[in-house]
Amino acid sequence: FFLMIRRPPRSTQSRSSAASDVYKRQVEQIPNPPQRKADKEFVATTNDNQAIIYRLNGDTNPLHIDPDMAEMGGFNKPIIHGLCTYGLAARGVYELFCDGDVNKLREISGRFTSHVFPGETVHFDYWVEGPIVIFSGKTVERGKEVLRGAATILRASPKL
């Protein structure tokens, strides 16, 4: 699966400032899930060694692998990387709404609301609101919301 990242607009601001402004707008624009039954659902189970595998992405934060460091961070064991949780949500969007065409996934944003432990299952609910797919993911084991976000889906593939 692919994660698409939207480039910040060019301006006279510094790159980090412009990127920060874009991020703030995206987080502020994440809608709350509708107060109705989800249109679609996606369930993803993580592996016990998932945090070890995600170290290959270059994030060597010991919080994700060392129980002592996790405890110092307030967790009773290491937690999964946010990129993994985000990727699970994006995979659900892709598989449920993009008809096998990654070009239909125009944009995706999310806000982490809690953590996921390796081996936990995340249940994602998806609501369709026009071209926007709103999602929320909760751990099955703890019933804790871990991610909330939205994706923009193109109904037809872009022509080059």
Protein backbone atom coordinates (compact mmCIF):
# COMPACT_ATOMS: atom_id res chain seq x y z
CA PHE A 1 0.00 0.00 0.00
CA PHE A 2 1.05 3.61 -0.43
CA LEU A 3 0.78 6.60 1.86
CA MET A 4 0.37 9.83 -0.03
CA ILE A 5 1.82 12.97 1.46
CA ARG A 6 0.61 16.32 0.26
CA ARG A 7 3.25 18.94 -0.44
CA PRO A 8 2.88 22.27 1.32
CA PRO A 9 2.23 25.26 -0.95
CA ARG A 10 5.23 27.38 -1.93
CA SER A 11 5.44 30.67 -0.15
CA THR A 12 7.89 33.11 1.33
CA GLN A 13 7.69 31.26 4.66
CA SER A 14 10.42 28.87 5.66
CA ARG A 15 9.75 25.27 4.65
CA SER A 16 9.33 24.10 8.23
CA SER A 17 6.94 26.95 9.01
CA ALA A 18 4.88 26.30 5.86
CA ALA A 19 4.78 22.57 6.58
CA SER A 20 3.72 23.27 10.16
CA ASP A 21 0.90 25.53 8.96
CA VAL A 22 -0.32 22.87 6.52
CA TYR A 23 -0.23 20.24 9.27
CA LYS A 24 -2.20 22.47 11.66
CA ARG A 25 -4.86 23.09 8.99
CA GLN A 26 -5.13 19.37 8.22
CA VAL A 27 -5.53 18.43 11.90
CA GLU A 28 -8.13 21.19 12.40
CA GLN A 29 -10.03 19.94 9.34
CA ILE A 30 -10.35 16.34 10.54
CA PRO A 31 -14.09 15.96 11.07
CA ASN A 32 -15.60 14.06 13.95
CA PRO A 33 -17.14 10.72 13.01
CA PRO A 34 -20.86 10.96 12.22
CA GLN A 35 -23.35 9.82 14.85
CA ARG A 36 -24.58 6.91 12.74
CA LYS A 37 -23.54 3.36 11.97
CA ALA A 38 -20.33 3.14 9.94
CA ASP A 39 -20.68 2.56 6.19
CA LYS A 40 -17.78 0.09 6.15
CA GLU A 41 -15.42 -1.59 8.60
CA PHE A 42 -11.87 -2.91 8.41
CA VAL A 43 -10.07 -5.02 11.00
CA ALA A 44 -6.29 -5.30 11.17
CA THR A 45 -4.38 -7.46 13.62
CA THR A 46 -0.83 -6.46 14.41
CA ASN A 47 1.91 -9.00 15.06
CA ASP A 48 3.80 -9.36 18.31
CA ASN A 49 6.99 -8.44 16.42
CA GLN A 50 5.47 -5.54 14.48
CA ALA A 51 7.46 -2.87 16.33
CA ILE A 52 10.70 -4.70 15.54
CA ILE A 53 9.82 -4.80 11.83
CA TYR A 54 8.93 -1.08 11.79
CA ARG A 55 12.43 -0.21 13.01
CA LEU A 56 13.43 -0.84 9.39
CA ASN A 57 11.71 2.49 8.56
CA GLY A 58 14.50 4.24 10.43
CA ASP A 59 12.66 5.03 13.66
CA THR A 60 14.95 3.58 16.28
CA ASN A 61 13.18 5.14 19.26
CA PRO A 62 13.70 2.62 22.09
CA LEU A 63 10.13 3.26 23.28
CA HIS A 64 9.03 0.83 20.57
CA ILE A 65 11.33 -2.05 21.51
CA ASP A 66 12.82 -1.71 24.99
CA PRO A 67 10.44 -2.55 27.88
CA ASP A 68 12.45 -0.38 30.30
CA MET A 69 12.20 2.67 28.02
CA ALA A 70 8.50 2.00 27.44
CA GLU A 71 7.99 1.95 31.19
CA MET A 72 9.82 5.28 31.50
CA GLY A 73 7.36 6.61 28.88
CA GLY A 74 4.39 5.48 30.99
CA PHE A 75 3.59 2.26 29.11
CA ASN A 76 3.65 -1.24 30.58
CA LYS A 77 5.36 -2.56 27.42
CA PRO A 78 6.66 -1.22 24.08
CA ILE A 79 4.13 0.36 21.71
CA ILE A 80 3.73 0.20 17.94
CA HIS A 81 5.01 3.05 15.78
CA GLY A 82 2.41 5.62 14.78
CA LEU A 83 3.41 5.07 11.14
CA CYS A 84 2.20 1.47 11.47
CA THR A 85 -1.19 2.49 12.88
CA TYR A 86 -1.52 5.17 10.19
CA GLY A 87 -0.60 2.61 7.54
CA LEU A 88 -3.29 0.23 8.75
CA ALA A 89 -5.92 2.98 8.40
CA ALA A 90 -4.63 3.86 4.92
CA ARG A 91 -4.71 0.19 3.91
CA GLY A 92 -8.36 0.05 4.94
CA VAL A 93 -9.15 3.15 2.86
CA TYR A 94 -7.31 1.71 -0.13
CA GLU A 95 -8.89 -1.75 0.07
CA LEU A 96 -12.43 -0.55 0.76
CA PHE A 97 -12.73 2.59 -1.38
CA CYS A 98 -10.08 2.73 -4.11
CA ASP A 99 -11.05 -0.27 -6.26
CA GLY A 100 -7.41 -1.36 -6.47
CA ASP A 101 -6.30 2.02 -7.87
CA VAL A 102 -3.90 3.84 -5.56
CA ASN A 103 -4.34 7.03 -7.65
CA LYS A 104 -7.83 7.39 -6.20
CA LEU A 105 -6.39 8.05 -2.75
CA ARG A 106 -5.82 11.78 -3.08
CA GLU A 107 -5.07 12.76 0.50
CA ILE A 108 -5.16 11.26 3.98
CA SER A 109 -4.77 12.91 7.38
CA GLY A 110 -4.97 11.53 10.87
CA ARG A 111 -4.61 12.37 14.51
CA PHE A 112 -3.38 9.84 17.03
CA THR A 113 -5.53 9.67 20.14
CA SER A 114 -3.80 6.78 21.91
CA HIS A 115 -1.28 3.98 21.42
CA VAL A 116 -1.39 0.42 20.07
CA PHE A 117 0.49 -2.47 21.64
CA PRO A 118 2.08 -5.14 19.41
CA GLY A 119 -0.34 -8.02 18.94
CA GLU A 120 -3.47 -5.90 19.35
CA THR A 121 -6.25 -5.79 16.80
CA VAL A 122 -7.46 -2.42 15.50
CA HIS A 123 -11.05 -2.10 14.30
CA PHE A 124 -11.59 0.80 11.90
CA ASP A 125 -14.98 2.32 11.13
CA TYR A 126 -15.37 4.33 7.91
CA TRP A 127 -18.09 6.84 6.99
CA VAL A 128 -18.52 8.20 3.47
CA GLU A 129 -19.38 11.91 3.23
CA GLY A 130 -19.18 12.75 -0.49
CA PRO A 131 -15.55 12.46 -1.60
CA ILE A 132 -14.40 12.36 2.03
CA VAL A 133 -14.00 9.15 4.02
CA ILE A 134 -13.95 9.77 7.76
CA PHE A 135 -12.42 7.06 9.91
CA SER A 136 -11.85 6.08 13.51
CA GLY A 137 -9.80 3.16 14.80
CA LYS A 138 -10.17 1.45 18.17
CA THR A 139 -8.29 -1.41 19.75
CA VAL A 140 -10.48 -4.47 20.09
CA GLU A 141 -8.76 -5.60 23.28
CA ARG A 142 -9.01 -2.30 25.19
CA GLY A 143 -11.83 -0.52 23.33
CA LYS A 144 -9.61 2.56 23.14
CA GLU A 145 -9.75 4.95 20.18
CA VAL A 146 -6.21 5.20 18.78
CA LEU A 147 -6.60 7.14 15.53
CA ARG A 148 -9.11 9.49 13.94
CA GLY A 149 -8.82 10.89 10.44
CA ALA A 150 -10.15 11.56 6.97
CA ALA A 151 -9.20 10.72 3.40
CA THR A 152 -10.16 12.30 0.10
CA ILE A 153 -11.07 9.76 -2.57
CA LEU A 154 -11.28 10.52 -6.28
CA ARG A 155 -14.25 8.78 -7.88
CA ALA A 156 -12.42 8.43 -11.21
CA SER A 157 -8.72 7.92 -11.84
CA PRO A 158 -6.87 11.09 -12.86
CA LYS A 159 -5.89 11.24 -16.53
CA LEU A 160 -2.27 11.98 -17.32
